[in-house]
Amino acid sequence: MTEYKPSSFAEKLYKIIGLAERVLLAAAIIALLLNRFEKGNGAQLLTLSLGSLAVIYFLRAYQPPQYAEEKPQAGDQKLGMLDLLLQTIAPKVGWIGCSVATIGVLFYLQGFKGYEQMLLLAGGTMAIVNVLLGIAFLKGNKQVSQLLTRTLPLCLMALYLLNKVAIF
């Protein structure tokens, strides 16, 4: 079996994406404060930062997984379906759910139609993903903690906004 090594471009891209995510989260917080105190153009900054965050979350779904440096020994147990679900499928679905939830929040703030469906779909999906990621975290997979810190707040935000517009 050949080992997968991401290209140098992919490595650089995902380092830049990590930095951009932090900058855009800070910009979103500043934009929310500007909107709250009605100073400046907070709405435009919020639209730009949330839209860019949605793109970053979508790109993170396609980030190659970080493989363990130790190779499995010949007598070790092979990975099963649950391991595939917890290590590959749940993170991809989680990142795409984060992207859809972020677009749903953006649609809510802009007053566009369809935000209820996006938040319902993303919130329900991320609730399931949070359970799976919690299982993976309890099994000792510390790599899912980064995604868990994104999906849990976005899931709660989606459920809060859905409760606010009385879908439930």
Protein backbone atom coordinates (compact mmCIF):
# COMPACT_ATOMS: atom_id res chain seq x y z
CA MET A 1 0.00 0.00 0.00
CA THR A 2 1.38 3.43 -0.90
CA GLU A 3 1.38 6.25 1.59
CA TYR A 4 -0.55 9.40 0.80
CA LYS A 5 1.42 12.62 1.04
CA PRO A 6 -0.44 15.86 0.33
CA SER A 7 1.17 18.22 -2.13
CA SER A 8 3.10 21.22 -0.89
CA PHE A 9 0.39 23.45 -2.36
CA ALA A 10 -2.28 21.71 -0.27
CA GLU A 11 -0.18 22.03 2.87
CA LYS A 12 0.33 25.75 2.29
CA LEU A 13 -3.32 26.25 1.37
CA TYR A 14 -4.64 24.70 4.56
CA LYS A 15 -2.20 26.70 6.69
CA ILE A 16 -3.48 29.87 5.03
CA ILE A 17 -7.08 28.70 5.49
CA GLY A 18 -6.48 28.24 9.22
CA LEU A 19 -5.14 31.78 9.54
CA ALA A 20 -7.91 33.20 7.35
CA GLU A 21 -10.55 31.51 9.48
CA ARG A 22 -9.26 33.19 12.64
CA VAL A 23 -9.10 36.59 10.92
CA LEU A 24 -12.62 36.20 9.51
CA LEU A 25 -14.03 35.14 12.88
CA ALA A 26 -12.52 38.28 14.42
CA ALA A 27 -13.97 40.37 11.57
CA ALA A 28 -17.41 38.82 12.14
CA ILE A 29 -17.27 39.69 15.84
CA ILE A 30 -16.22 43.26 15.05
CA ALA A 31 -19.01 43.52 12.47
CA LEU A 32 -21.58 42.29 15.00
CA LEU A 33 -20.38 44.92 17.46
CA LEU A 34 -20.56 47.61 14.77
CA ASN A 35 -24.11 46.53 13.94
CA ARG A 36 -25.08 46.46 17.61
CA PHE A 37 -23.88 50.00 18.24
CA GLU A 38 -24.92 51.23 14.76
CA LYS A 39 -21.47 52.47 13.82
CA GLY A 40 -19.97 52.24 10.35
CA ASN A 41 -20.71 49.59 7.74
CA GLY A 42 -21.06 46.54 9.96
CA ALA A 43 -23.60 44.84 7.68
CA GLN A 44 -21.22 44.75 4.71
CA LEU A 45 -18.35 43.48 6.84
CA LEU A 46 -20.59 40.82 8.37
CA THR A 47 -21.77 39.67 4.94
CA LEU A 48 -18.21 39.46 3.65
CA SER A 49 -16.85 37.65 6.71
CA LEU A 50 -19.70 35.11 6.99
CA GLY A 51 -19.64 34.38 3.27
CA SER A 52 -15.89 33.85 3.35
CA LEU A 53 -16.17 31.65 6.44
CA ALA A 54 -18.71 29.47 4.62
CA VAL A 55 -16.23 28.99 1.77
CA ILE A 56 -13.45 28.13 4.21
CA TYR A 57 -15.62 25.57 6.00
CA PHE A 58 -16.52 24.02 2.67
CA LEU A 59 -12.86 23.79 1.66
CA ARG A 60 -12.02 22.18 5.00
CA ALA A 61 -14.30 19.28 4.09
CA TYR A 62 -11.79 18.35 1.40
CA GLN A 63 -8.68 18.65 3.56
CA PRO A 64 -6.72 15.40 3.52
CA PRO A 65 -6.88 13.61 6.86
CA GLN A 66 -3.83 13.65 9.07
CA TYR A 67 -2.54 10.12 9.17
CA ALA A 68 -0.78 8.68 12.19
CA GLU A 69 2.97 8.51 11.89
CA GLU A 70 3.11 4.98 13.25
CA LYS A 71 2.27 2.30 10.72
CA PRO A 72 -0.07 -0.45 11.91
CA GLN A 73 1.63 -3.70 12.77
CA ALA A 74 0.79 -6.92 10.94
CA GLY A 75 -1.23 -8.31 13.87
CA ASP A 76 -3.22 -5.12 14.54
CA GLN A 77 -6.94 -5.00 14.06
CA LYS A 78 -8.08 -3.58 10.73
CA LEU A 79 -10.23 -0.48 10.58
CA GLY A 80 -13.93 -1.20 10.40
CA MET A 81 -17.02 0.67 9.27
CA LEU A 82 -17.33 2.60 12.54
CA ASP A 83 -13.76 3.84 12.19
CA LEU A 84 -14.44 4.93 8.61
CA LEU A 85 -17.59 6.72 9.75
CA LEU A 86 -15.86 8.48 12.65
CA GLN A 87 -12.61 9.41 10.90
CA THR A 88 -13.66 10.18 7.34
CA ILE A 89 -17.38 10.57 6.72
CA ALA A 90 -18.43 12.48 9.86
CA PRO A 91 -15.73 15.17 9.47
CA LYS A 92 -16.61 15.76 5.82
CA VAL A 93 -20.33 16.01 6.57
CA GLY A 94 -19.57 18.18 9.60
CA TRP A 95 -17.54 20.73 7.66
CA ILE A 96 -20.16 20.93 4.91
CA GLY A 97 -22.82 21.31 7.62
CA CYS A 98 -20.82 24.20 9.09
CA SER A 99 -20.76 25.83 5.68
CA VAL A 100 -24.51 25.44 5.18
CA ALA A 101 -25.24 26.72 8.70
CA THR A 102 -23.05 29.77 8.13
CA ILE A 103 -24.88 30.54 4.87
CA GLY A 104 -28.19 30.01 6.72
CA VAL A 105 -27.17 32.54 9.39
CA LEU A 106 -26.13 34.94 6.65
CA PHE A 107 -29.49 34.50 4.93
CA TYR A 108 -31.26 35.08 8.26
CA LEU A 109 -29.37 38.31 8.87
CA GLN A 110 -30.02 39.50 5.31
CA GLY A 111 -33.72 38.56 5.48
CA PHE A 112 -33.60 36.20 2.49
CA LYS A 113 -36.02 33.34 2.05
CA GLY A 114 -34.87 29.79 2.60
CA TYR A 115 -32.83 30.30 5.75
CA GLU A 116 -35.22 28.11 7.75
CA GLN A 117 -34.57 25.12 5.50
CA MET A 118 -30.80 25.68 5.55
CA LEU A 119 -30.68 26.02 9.32
CA LEU A 120 -32.95 23.01 9.83
CA LEU A 121 -30.89 20.84 7.51
CA ALA A 122 -27.54 22.02 8.88
CA GLY A 123 -28.65 21.93 12.52
CA GLY A 124 -30.04 18.41 12.25
CA THR A 125 -27.02 17.15 10.38
CA MET A 126 -24.59 18.74 12.80
CA ALA A 127 -26.51 17.34 15.78
CA ILE A 128 -25.91 13.83 14.43
CA VAL A 129 -22.31 14.67 13.57
CA ASN A 130 -21.76 16.05 17.09
CA VAL A 131 -22.87 12.73 18.58
CA LEU A 132 -20.50 10.84 16.25
CA LEU A 133 -17.63 13.23 16.94
CA GLY A 134 -18.27 12.92 20.66
CA ILE A 135 -17.97 9.15 20.33
CA ALA A 136 -14.75 9.54 18.36
CA PHE A 137 -13.36 11.97 20.93
CA LEU A 138 -14.19 9.59 23.77
CA LYS A 139 -12.49 6.77 21.86
CA GLY A 140 -9.29 8.83 21.91
CA ASN A 141 -9.36 10.58 18.53
CA LYS A 142 -8.15 14.08 19.46
CA GLN A 143 -8.14 15.26 15.82
CA VAL A 144 -11.92 15.72 15.85
CA SER A 145 -11.76 18.36 18.60
CA GLN A 146 -11.12 21.12 16.03
CA LEU A 147 -14.28 20.22 14.14
CA LEU A 148 -16.25 19.71 17.35
CA THR A 149 -15.46 23.27 18.42
CA ARG A 150 -17.02 24.49 15.15
CA THR A 151 -20.04 22.20 14.84
CA LEU A 152 -21.32 22.49 18.39
CA PRO A 153 -21.69 26.32 18.50
CA LEU A 154 -23.06 26.46 14.96
CA CYS A 155 -25.55 23.70 15.76
CA LEU A 156 -26.72 25.58 18.86
CA MET A 157 -26.94 28.82 16.88
CA ALA A 158 -29.02 27.12 14.18
CA LEU A 159 -31.37 25.63 16.78
CA TYR A 160 -31.66 29.00 18.53
CA LEU A 161 -32.54 30.84 15.31
CA LEU A 162 -35.03 28.14 14.35
CA ASN A 163 -36.64 28.41 17.78
CA LYS A 164 -36.71 32.20 17.42
CA VAL A 165 -38.72 32.02 14.20
CA ALA A 166 -41.01 29.37 15.80
CA ILE A 167 -40.43 26.47 13.41
CA PHE A 168 -40.42 24.10 16.36
